[in-house]
C-alpha cells in the first residue's frame, strides 16, 4: 500500500467522523421544561415569581410592592376585621392575610370558583369601585354561625341551587361590617366613604373595570374554630390612583397621624421666618388710558395727608393701620390699630413661642412743595 492510499484512507475516516458528529440526535424538551418555559409550572394558590413567557406577558403589571403603604393598610385591616367579626358573630374568629398580588381584572373574573357571592362597593371620594368575593365555605359558615348552628360540625353545603334571600342578607350584613373596617384602615392615610352598591352571583355582572386593567387582589382567610372560608378584596389600580402619591410613601415606625417632633420644628421655623410688610399710603383706580399717559416727572395727587392712616399689608392681606413719621434718618410707621385677629390665630397655634420679628420694607415718599406725594 502506497503513501497515497494511506492519505486517502485518512481523509475518508475524517469525513466519516465529521458526518457522524453532524447527525447527533436532537435535544427534546420534556414536559417539565416546557411548563417552565411557558410559565405554567405554578399552581393557582401559590404566588412566587413568574417565569418564561408568562413573565414577559405580565411584565406590564404594576407590582403592589411599589406601593409600600398598602402593606400597612392591609395589616391594619386584618386587626380591625378580627375584632369586628368577633363582635358580629359572637364567636372566636381569626382573620389572617394569605397573600397580596397584582392580577389582571379579566383573569381574576375567570378564576373565581363558583358558587360565590360578589359584592361591588363604591368609593365616593375616589369616584371608582372595588369588589369583595366571598366563597361558598365562608357563606355557609356565616349562615351556620348566625343562625345558631352547633359547634364541632361542618357547615352543610347544598350545591346546584342559587343562594336564598336569607343567605344573601346575612352575607350582606357581614360585607357591610367589613366595608367599615376597610374604611377605617384607609382613614389615617386618606378618609374615604365606602358604600355597598350591589350583590351579584354571576361574575359577568360584576364587571367594574376593563379585562386588561391591573388590580390588587387581597386574599383573607377567616377561621371560626372548625369552620371558615376565604374572602377576597379586589381593588383596581384606577381606584387607588387618587391616593397613589400617599401610597408611595415609605412607612417608618408604628404610628399613624400626627408627628409632634415635626410639628414643633415647623412651628419654630415659622416663627423665625421673615415676611415683607408693605405700608400702603393710598390706592386709586385709574383707567388704562390715564396709565398709558404717564410721563416722567408727573405728579400724582394722593387722597392721604401727612396725618392720614396707612394700611399695613402682608401678601395682600390687611394686618392693621398706622401713621407715618420719622425716626432719625429713617421713615417709620407707628402701629395705631392692634392686629387682634391675626395675633389670636398665631397664639392659638403656638402659645409658647416668642413674638416674631417682622422686618419693615418701607420706602420714603418724595414730597413736592404742594404737599402731594409722588
Foldseek 3Di string as FASTA:
>chain_A
DDPVVVVVVVVVVVVVVVVVVVPDDDDDDDPVVVCQQCQNPDDDLDDDDTHHPVCVVCVPWDWLVLQQCVVQLVVQLQVQLQVLVCVVLVFRKHKDWRDKTKDFQLVVLVPDDPQWKKWKKAWVVLGAIKIKIFHPQALQVQVCRNVPHDPPDGRDDDPDDDDDPVSVVSVVVSVVSSQVSSQVSCVLQPHIDMGTDDMDRRSVVVPRDDRGFMWMKIWMWMDRPPGTGIMIIIGTVSSCVVRRVSSSDDDDDDDTDDDVVVLVVVLVVVLADEFEKEWAQADDDDDPVVVVPDDPPDFDAGPGAQAGWIFIDTPNHTQAIWHWDDDVPDIDTDGDGHRPPVVVVSCVSPVPDDHHDYDYDYDDFDADPVRGTD
